[in-house]
PDB file of all heavy atoms in Angstrom:
ATOM      1  N   GLY A   1       1.475 -14.858 -39.878  1.00  0.00           N
ATOM      2  CA  GLY A   1       2.629 -14.691 -40.803  1.00  0.00           C
ATOM      3  C   GLY A   1       4.003 -15.097 -40.199  1.00  0.00           C
ATOM      4  O   GLY A   1       5.017 -15.123 -40.947  1.00  0.00           O
ATOM      5  N   ASN A   2       3.971 -15.493 -38.986  1.00  0.00           N
ATOM      6  CA  ASN A   2       5.264 -15.874 -38.315  1.00  0.00           C
ATOM      7  C   ASN A   2       5.274 -17.364 -37.961  1.00  0.00           C
ATOM      8  O   ASN A   2       4.224 -18.005 -37.855  1.00  0.00           O
ATOM      9  CB  ASN A   2       5.492 -15.083 -37.056  1.00  0.00           C
ATOM     10  CG  ASN A   2       5.739 -13.611 -37.294  1.00  0.00           C
ATOM     11  OD1 ASN A   2       5.899 -13.161 -38.436  1.00  0.00           O
ATOM     12  ND2 ASN A   2       5.794 -12.803 -36.273  1.00  0.00           N
ATOM     13  N   GLN A   3       6.429 -17.834 -37.781  1.00  0.00           N
ATOM     14  CA  GLN A   3       6.606 -19.257 -37.292  1.00  0.00           C
ATOM     15  C   GLN A   3       6.310 -19.298 -35.771  1.00  0.00           C
ATOM     16  O   GLN A   3       6.423 -18.314 -35.070  1.00  0.00           O
ATOM     17  CB  GLN A   3       7.989 -19.759 -37.554  1.00  0.00           C
ATOM     18  CG  GLN A   3       8.314 -19.955 -39.081  1.00  0.00           C
ATOM     19  CD  GLN A   3       9.649 -20.583 -39.273  1.00  0.00           C
ATOM     20  OE1 GLN A   3      10.571 -20.430 -38.478  1.00  0.00           O
ATOM     21  NE2 GLN A   3       9.785 -21.298 -40.400  1.00  0.00           N
ATOM     22  N   ARG A   4       5.957 -20.523 -35.368  1.00  0.00           N
ATOM     23  CA  ARG A   4       5.755 -20.689 -33.937  1.00  0.00           C
ATOM     24  C   ARG A   4       7.110 -20.615 -33.206  1.00  0.00           C
ATOM     25  O   ARG A   4       8.133 -21.148 -33.661  1.00  0.00           O
ATOM     26  CB  ARG A   4       5.082 -22.069 -33.662  1.00  0.00           C
ATOM     27  CG  ARG A   4       4.632 -22.312 -32.232  1.00  0.00           C
ATOM     28  CD  ARG A   4       3.901 -23.605 -32.102  1.00  0.00           C
ATOM     29  NE  ARG A   4       2.669 -23.582 -32.964  1.00  0.00           N
ATOM     30  CZ  ARG A   4       1.721 -24.524 -32.867  1.00  0.00           C
ATOM     31  NH1 ARG A   4       1.879 -25.560 -32.040  1.00  0.00           N
ATOM     32  NH2 ARG A   4       0.684 -24.469 -33.606  1.00  0.00           N
ATOM     33  N   GLU A   5       7.125 -19.904 -32.104  1.00  0.00           N
ATOM     34  CA  GLU A   5       8.378 -19.650 -31.382  1.00  0.00           C
ATOM     35  C   GLU A   5       8.242 -19.971 -29.887  1.00  0.00           C
ATOM     36  O   GLU A   5       7.154 -19.765 -29.351  1.00  0.00           O
ATOM     37  CB  GLU A   5       8.866 -18.206 -31.578  1.00  0.00           C
ATOM     38  CG  GLU A   5       7.907 -17.177 -31.095  1.00  0.00           C
ATOM     39  CD  GLU A   5       8.397 -15.744 -31.295  1.00  0.00           C
ATOM     40  OE1 GLU A   5       9.347 -15.562 -32.013  1.00  0.00           O
ATOM     41  OE2 GLU A   5       7.739 -14.840 -30.674  1.00  0.00           O
ATOM     42  N   LEU A   6       9.323 -20.406 -29.314  1.00  0.00           N
ATOM     43  CA  LEU A   6       9.334 -20.674 -27.897  1.00  0.00           C
ATOM     44  C   LEU A   6       9.289 -19.348 -27.119  1.00  0.00           C
ATOM     45  O   LEU A   6      10.070 -18.453 -27.400  1.00  0.00           O
ATOM     46  CB  LEU A   6      10.590 -21.456 -27.487  1.00  0.00           C
ATOM     47  CG  LEU A   6      10.774 -21.702 -25.988  1.00  0.00           C
ATOM     48  CD1 LEU A   6       9.717 -22.635 -25.432  1.00  0.00           C
ATOM     49  CD2 LEU A   6      12.174 -22.203 -25.736  1.00  0.00           C
ATOM     50  N   VAL A   7       8.442 -19.307 -26.138  1.00  0.00           N
ATOM     51  CA  VAL A   7       8.340 -18.167 -25.227  1.00  0.00           C
ATOM     52  C   VAL A   7       9.068 -18.479 -23.938  1.00  0.00           C
ATOM     53  O   VAL A   7       9.975 -17.715 -23.484  1.00  0.00           O
ATOM     54  CB  VAL A   7       6.869 -17.780 -24.978  1.00  0.00           C
ATOM     55  CG1 VAL A   7       6.798 -16.592 -23.956  1.00  0.00           C
ATOM     56  CG2 VAL A   7       6.142 -17.453 -26.248  1.00  0.00           C
ATOM     57  N   ALA A   8       8.727 -19.579 -23.332  1.00  0.00           N
ATOM     58  CA  ALA A   8       9.369 -19.917 -22.036  1.00  0.00           C
ATOM     59  C   ALA A   8       9.098 -21.493 -21.811  1.00  0.00           C
ATOM     60  O   ALA A   8       8.123 -22.001 -22.270  1.00  0.00           O
ATOM     61  CB  ALA A   8       8.754 -19.195 -20.870  1.00  0.00           C
ATOM     62  N   SER A   9      10.037 -22.039 -21.129  1.00  0.00           N
ATOM     63  CA  SER A   9       9.890 -23.467 -20.832  1.00  0.00           C
ATOM     64  C   SER A   9      10.445 -23.749 -19.391  1.00  0.00           C
ATOM     65  O   SER A   9      11.241 -22.947 -18.869  1.00  0.00           O
ATOM     66  CB  SER A   9      10.627 -24.345 -21.840  1.00  0.00           C
ATOM     67  OG  SER A   9      12.055 -24.086 -21.777  1.00  0.00           O
ATOM     68  N   THR A  10      10.023 -24.852 -18.863  1.00  0.00           N
ATOM     69  CA  THR A  10      10.457 -25.297 -17.547  1.00  0.00           C
ATOM     70  C   THR A  10      10.623 -26.805 -17.544  1.00  0.00           C
ATOM     71  O   THR A  10       9.730 -27.519 -17.978  1.00  0.00           O
ATOM     72  CB  THR A  10       9.518 -24.804 -16.465  1.00  0.00           C
ATOM     73  OG1 THR A  10      10.038 -25.292 -15.188  1.00  0.00           O
ATOM     74  CG2 THR A  10       8.107 -25.314 -16.587  1.00  0.00           C
ATOM     75  N   THR A  11      11.753 -27.237 -17.005  1.00  0.00           N
ATOM     76  CA  THR A  11      11.882 -28.684 -16.907  1.00  0.00           C
ATOM     77  C   THR A  11      11.388 -29.151 -15.556  1.00  0.00           C
ATOM     78  O   THR A  11      11.077 -28.370 -14.632  1.00  0.00           O
ATOM     79  CB  THR A  11      13.381 -29.104 -16.977  1.00  0.00           C
ATOM     80  OG1 THR A  11      14.069 -28.573 -15.821  1.00  0.00           O
ATOM     81  CG2 THR A  11      14.054 -28.478 -18.215  1.00  0.00           C
ATOM     82  N   MET A  12      11.151 -30.435 -15.425  1.00  0.00           N
ATOM     83  CA  MET A  12      10.617 -30.980 -14.186  1.00  0.00           C
ATOM     84  C   MET A  12      11.700 -30.813 -13.067  1.00  0.00           C
ATOM     85  O   MET A  12      11.349 -30.879 -11.906  1.00  0.00           O
ATOM     86  CB  MET A  12      10.200 -32.439 -14.373  1.00  0.00           C
ATOM     87  CG  MET A  12       9.033 -32.574 -15.307  1.00  0.00           C
ATOM     88  SD  MET A  12       7.579 -31.656 -14.803  1.00  0.00           S
ATOM     89  CE  MET A  12       7.630 -30.284 -15.968  1.00  0.00           C
ATOM     90  N   GLY A  13      12.974 -30.568 -13.481  1.00  0.00           N
ATOM     91  CA  GLY A  13      13.970 -30.344 -12.493  1.00  0.00           C
ATOM     92  C   GLY A  13      14.026 -28.872 -12.031  1.00  0.00           C
ATOM     93  O   GLY A  13      14.799 -28.544 -11.138  1.00  0.00           O
ATOM     94  N   GLY A  14      13.247 -28.037 -12.685  1.00  0.00           N
ATOM     95  CA  GLY A  14      13.193 -26.650 -12.240  1.00  0.00           C
ATOM     96  C   GLY A  14      13.946 -25.638 -13.114  1.00  0.00           C
ATOM     97  O   GLY A  14      13.915 -24.443 -12.773  1.00  0.00           O
ATOM     98  N   ASN A  15      14.642 -26.127 -14.133  1.00  0.00           N
ATOM     99  CA  ASN A  15      15.350 -25.231 -14.992  1.00  0.00           C
ATOM    100  C   ASN A  15      14.338 -24.482 -15.879  1.00  0.00           C
ATOM    101  O   ASN A  15      13.402 -25.054 -16.492  1.00  0.00           O
ATOM    102  CB  ASN A  15      16.373 -25.936 -15.838  1.00  0.00           C
ATOM    103  CG  ASN A  15      17.451 -26.541 -14.999  1.00  0.00           C
ATOM    104  OD1 ASN A  15      17.964 -25.977 -14.050  1.00  0.00           O
ATOM    105  ND2 ASN A  15      17.878 -27.782 -15.333  1.00  0.00           N
ATOM    106  N   THR A  16      14.605 -23.189 -16.104  1.00  0.00           N
ATOM    107  CA  THR A  16      13.693 -22.367 -16.920  1.00  0.00           C
ATOM    108  C   THR A  16      14.505 -21.755 -18.068  1.00  0.00           C
ATOM    109  O   THR A  16      15.700 -21.507 -17.919  1.00  0.00           O
ATOM    110  CB  THR A  16      12.963 -21.316 -16.124  1.00  0.00           C
ATOM    111  OG1 THR A  16      13.975 -20.449 -15.474  1.00  0.00           O
ATOM    112  CG2 THR A  16      12.024 -21.933 -15.070  1.00  0.00           C
ATOM    113  N   ASN A  17      13.783 -21.456 -19.117  1.00  0.00           N
ATOM    114  CA  ASN A  17      14.395 -20.818 -20.281  1.00  0.00           C
ATOM    115  C   ASN A  17      13.373 -19.891 -20.858  1.00  0.00           C
ATOM    116  O   ASN A  17      12.199 -20.118 -20.971  1.00  0.00           O
ATOM    117  CB  ASN A  17      14.746 -21.895 -21.273  1.00  0.00           C
ATOM    118  CG  ASN A  17      15.437 -21.322 -22.538  1.00  0.00           C
ATOM    119  OD1 ASN A  17      16.319 -20.494 -22.436  1.00  0.00           O
ATOM    120  ND2 ASN A  17      15.012 -21.755 -23.694  1.00  0.00           N
ATOM    121  N   TYR A  18      13.870 -18.654 -21.285  1.00  0.00           N
ATOM    122  CA  TYR A  18      13.002 -17.617 -21.770  1.00  0.00           C
ATOM    123  C   TYR A  18      13.541 -17.104 -23.074  1.00  0.00           C
ATOM    124  O   TYR A  18      14.766 -16.962 -23.290  1.00  0.00           O
ATOM    125  CB  TYR A  18      12.882 -16.432 -20.797  1.00  0.00           C
ATOM    126  CG  TYR A  18      12.219 -16.820 -19.478  1.00  0.00           C
ATOM    127  CD1 TYR A  18      12.942 -17.225 -18.422  1.00  0.00           C
ATOM    128  CD2 TYR A  18      10.810 -16.640 -19.337  1.00  0.00           C
ATOM    129  CE1 TYR A  18      12.305 -17.529 -17.215  1.00  0.00           C
ATOM    130  CE2 TYR A  18      10.182 -16.937 -18.176  1.00  0.00           C
ATOM    131  CZ  TYR A  18      10.928 -17.364 -17.087  1.00  0.00           C
ATOM    132  OH  TYR A  18      10.326 -17.685 -15.935  1.00  0.00           O
ATOM    133  N   GLN A  19      12.609 -16.734 -23.979  1.00  0.00           N
ATOM    134  CA  GLN A  19      12.945 -15.953 -25.145  1.00  0.00           C
ATOM    135  C   GLN A  19      13.485 -14.579 -24.663  1.00  0.00           C
ATOM    136  O   GLN A  19      12.915 -14.053 -23.728  1.00  0.00           O
ATOM    137  CB  GLN A  19      11.745 -15.811 -26.049  1.00  0.00           C
ATOM    138  CG  GLN A  19      12.014 -15.012 -27.295  1.00  0.00           C
ATOM    139  CD  GLN A  19      10.720 -14.743 -28.045  1.00  0.00           C
ATOM    140  OE1 GLN A  19      10.382 -13.581 -28.210  1.00  0.00           O
ATOM    141  NE2 GLN A  19      10.029 -15.756 -28.564  1.00  0.00           N
ATOM    142  N   ASP A  20      14.500 -14.084 -25.349  1.00  0.00           N
ATOM    143  CA  ASP A  20      15.087 -12.806 -24.920  1.00  0.00           C
ATOM    144  C   ASP A  20      14.008 -11.697 -24.720  1.00  0.00           C
ATOM    145  O   ASP A  20      14.122 -10.884 -23.868  1.00  0.00           O
ATOM    146  CB  ASP A  20      16.205 -12.379 -25.842  1.00  0.00           C
ATOM    147  CG  ASP A  20      17.449 -13.226 -25.664  1.00  0.00           C
ATOM    148  OD1 ASP A  20      17.596 -13.894 -24.653  1.00  0.00           O
ATOM    149  OD2 ASP A  20      18.331 -13.094 -26.567  1.00  0.00           O
ATOM    150  N   SER A  21      13.106 -11.632 -25.673  1.00  0.00           N
ATOM    151  CA  SER A  21      12.186 -10.535 -25.740  1.00  0.00           C
ATOM    152  C   SER A  21      11.182 -10.491 -24.578  1.00  0.00           C
ATOM    153  O   SER A  21      10.516  -9.455 -24.289  1.00  0.00           O
ATOM    154  CB  SER A  21      11.347 -10.543 -27.036  1.00  0.00           C
ATOM    155  OG  SER A  21      10.519 -11.615 -27.080  1.00  0.00           O
ATOM    156  N   VAL A  22      11.109 -11.568 -23.805  1.00  0.00           N
ATOM    157  CA  VAL A  22      10.176 -11.648 -22.687  1.00  0.00           C
ATOM    158  C   VAL A  22      10.859 -11.659 -21.336  1.00  0.00           C
ATOM    159  O   VAL A  22      10.230 -11.633 -20.296  1.00  0.00           O
ATOM    160  CB  VAL A  22       9.215 -12.840 -22.795  1.00  0.00           C
ATOM    161  CG1 VAL A  22       8.465 -12.808 -24.196  1.00  0.00           C
ATOM    162  CG2 VAL A  22       9.827 -14.125 -22.529  1.00  0.00           C
ATOM    163  N   LYS A  23      12.159 -11.765 -21.372  1.00  0.00           N
ATOM    164  CA  LYS A  23      12.906 -11.847 -20.087  1.00  0.00           C
ATOM    165  C   LYS A  23      12.626 -10.563 -19.242  1.00  0.00           C
ATOM    166  O   LYS A  23      12.667  -9.509 -19.714  1.00  0.00           O
ATOM    167  CB  LYS A  23      14.408 -11.958 -20.338  1.00  0.00           C
ATOM    168  CG  LYS A  23      14.807 -13.351 -20.828  1.00  0.00           C
ATOM    169  CD  LYS A  23      16.326 -13.405 -21.052  1.00  0.00           C
ATOM    170  CE  LYS A  23      16.755 -14.801 -21.549  1.00  0.00           C
ATOM    171  NZ  LYS A  23      18.209 -14.872 -21.857  1.00  0.00           N
ATOM    172  N   GLY A  24      12.363 -10.820 -17.960  1.00  0.00           N
ATOM    173  CA  GLY A  24      12.079  -9.727 -17.093  1.00  0.00           C
ATOM    174  C   GLY A  24      10.558  -9.308 -17.076  1.00  0.00           C
ATOM    175  O   GLY A  24      10.140  -8.519 -16.198  1.00  0.00           O
ATOM    176  N   ARG A  25       9.798  -9.826 -18.025  1.00  0.00           N
ATOM    177  CA  ARG A  25       8.356  -9.504 -18.084  1.00  0.00           C
ATOM    178  C   ARG A  25       7.490 -10.692 -17.876  1.00  0.00           C
ATOM    179  O   ARG A  25       6.429 -10.616 -17.265  1.00  0.00           O
ATOM    180  CB  ARG A  25       8.037  -8.892 -19.506  1.00  0.00           C
ATOM    181  CG  ARG A  25       8.796  -7.628 -19.816  1.00  0.00           C
ATOM    182  CD  ARG A  25       8.269  -6.961 -21.091  1.00  0.00           C
ATOM    183  NE  ARG A  25       8.475  -7.777 -22.237  1.00  0.00           N
ATOM    184  CZ  ARG A  25       7.454  -8.158 -23.051  1.00  0.00           C
ATOM    185  NH1 ARG A  25       6.210  -7.812 -22.775  1.00  0.00           N
ATOM    186  NH2 ARG A  25       7.727  -8.934 -24.150  1.00  0.00           N
ATOM    187  N   PHE A  26       7.926 -11.853 -18.378  1.00  0.00           N
ATOM    188  CA  PHE A  26       7.188 -13.092 -18.235  1.00  0.00           C
ATOM    189  C   PHE A  26       7.874 -14.015 -17.239  1.00  0.00           C
ATOM    190  O   PHE A  26       9.071 -14.076 -17.144  1.00  0.00           O
ATOM    191  CB  PHE A  26       7.101 -13.821 -19.580  1.00  0.00           C
ATOM    192  CG  PHE A  26       6.262 -13.125 -20.662  1.00  0.00           C
ATOM    193  CD1 PHE A  26       5.782 -11.829 -20.498  1.00  0.00           C
ATOM    194  CD2 PHE A  26       5.965 -13.809 -21.813  1.00  0.00           C
ATOM    195  CE1 PHE A  26       5.006 -11.223 -21.461  1.00  0.00           C
ATOM    196  CE2 PHE A  26       5.249 -13.186 -22.810  1.00  0.00           C
ATOM    197  CZ  PHE A  26       4.759 -11.885 -22.655  1.00  0.00           C
ATOM    198  N   THR A  27       6.994 -14.764 -16.576  1.00  0.00           N
ATOM    199  CA  THR A  27       7.499 -15.756 -15.592  1.00  0.00           C
ATOM    200  C   THR A  27       6.732 -17.051 -15.787  1.00  0.00           C
ATOM    201  O   THR A  27       5.492 -17.065 -15.750  1.00  0.00           O
ATOM    202  CB  THR A  27       7.319 -15.274 -14.129  1.00  0.00           C
ATOM    203  OG1 THR A  27       8.057 -14.047 -13.976  1.00  0.00           O
ATOM    204  CG2 THR A  27       7.903 -16.287 -13.161  1.00  0.00           C
ATOM    205  N   ILE A  28       7.468 -18.132 -15.976  1.00  0.00           N
ATOM    206  CA  ILE A  28       6.832 -19.435 -16.073  1.00  0.00           C
ATOM    207  C   ILE A  28       6.994 -20.127 -14.729  1.00  0.00           C
ATOM    208  O   ILE A  28       8.057 -20.057 -14.088  1.00  0.00           O
ATOM    209  CB  ILE A  28       7.456 -20.305 -17.237  1.00  0.00           C
ATOM    210  CG1 ILE A  28       6.636 -21.560 -17.469  1.00  0.00           C
ATOM    211  CG2 ILE A  28       8.947 -20.621 -16.920  1.00  0.00           C
ATOM    212  CD1 ILE A  28       7.023 -22.322 -18.739  1.00  0.00           C
ATOM    213  N   SER A  29       5.921 -20.809 -14.290  1.00  0.00           N
ATOM    214  CA  SER A  29       5.950 -21.524 -13.030  1.00  0.00           C
ATOM    215  C   SER A  29       5.073 -22.732 -13.168  1.00  0.00           C
ATOM    216  O   SER A  29       4.307 -22.877 -14.139  1.00  0.00           O
ATOM    217  CB  SER A  29       5.458 -20.633 -11.902  1.00  0.00           C
ATOM    218  OG  SER A  29       4.151 -20.223 -12.125  1.00  0.00           O
ATOM    219  N   ARG A  30       5.118 -23.586 -12.193  1.00  0.00           N
ATOM    220  CA  ARG A  30       4.330 -24.800 -12.299  1.00  0.00           C
ATOM    221  C   ARG A  30       3.846 -25.205 -10.843  1.00  0.00           C
ATOM    222  O   ARG A  30       4.480 -24.925  -9.873  1.00  0.00           O
ATOM    223  CB  ARG A  30       5.099 -25.921 -12.935  1.00  0.00           C
ATOM    224  CG  ARG A  30       6.255 -26.462 -12.124  1.00  0.00           C
ATOM    225  CD  ARG A  30       7.002 -27.601 -12.936  1.00  0.00           C
ATOM    226  NE  ARG A  30       7.832 -28.317 -12.024  1.00  0.00           N
ATOM    227  CZ  ARG A  30       9.057 -27.959 -11.639  1.00  0.00           C
ATOM    228  NH1 ARG A  30       9.535 -26.792 -12.114  1.00  0.00           N
ATOM    229  NH2 ARG A  30       9.758 -28.744 -10.855  1.00  0.00           N
TER     230      ARG A  30
END
């Protein structure tokens, strides 16, 4: 029932971005 939403992303340069609701709980790495 919801739209697809961004959880976390990482650029090849190492910049990361998180949805506010997962900050401090989720970690994206590569």
